[in-house]
Amino acid sequence: MKKTTILLFLLFTVMLSAQNKKVVLKKQVVEASCGQCQFKMEGKSCDLAVRIDGKTYFVDGTSIDSHGNAHAADGFCAAIRKAEVSGSIVNDRFIATDFKLLPETKK
């Protein structure tokens, strides 16, 4: 019984630590766009999202409308842009402490 209790406690501790995993980013260039329009994420309206290492996250700490008209030709709903960000990934969301939209590069 004692071994079972210890095993359950250890399993519970591991599960809790895995759920609260926090990844911190400092001045990393990522792709930014509308999560629904460009990244095909589930949602009800146009929301800012970033793609980091191939995985998409909705953004807290700034909004899609804070960086110009999202529905303009170069807006987040029409284009995937580059942004320099700092923040952390918590519970599958990117919490931005700094979000700087980079100028588009001419092709």
Foldseek 3Di string as FASTA:
>chain_A
DVVVVVVVVVVVVVVVCVQFDKFWDAFDKWKKAFCCQPVVDDDDDTWIWTADPNDIATEDPDTQPVPDDQPPCPHRNNDIFIWTFTAMQGNRHGYTPDIGTDDDDDD
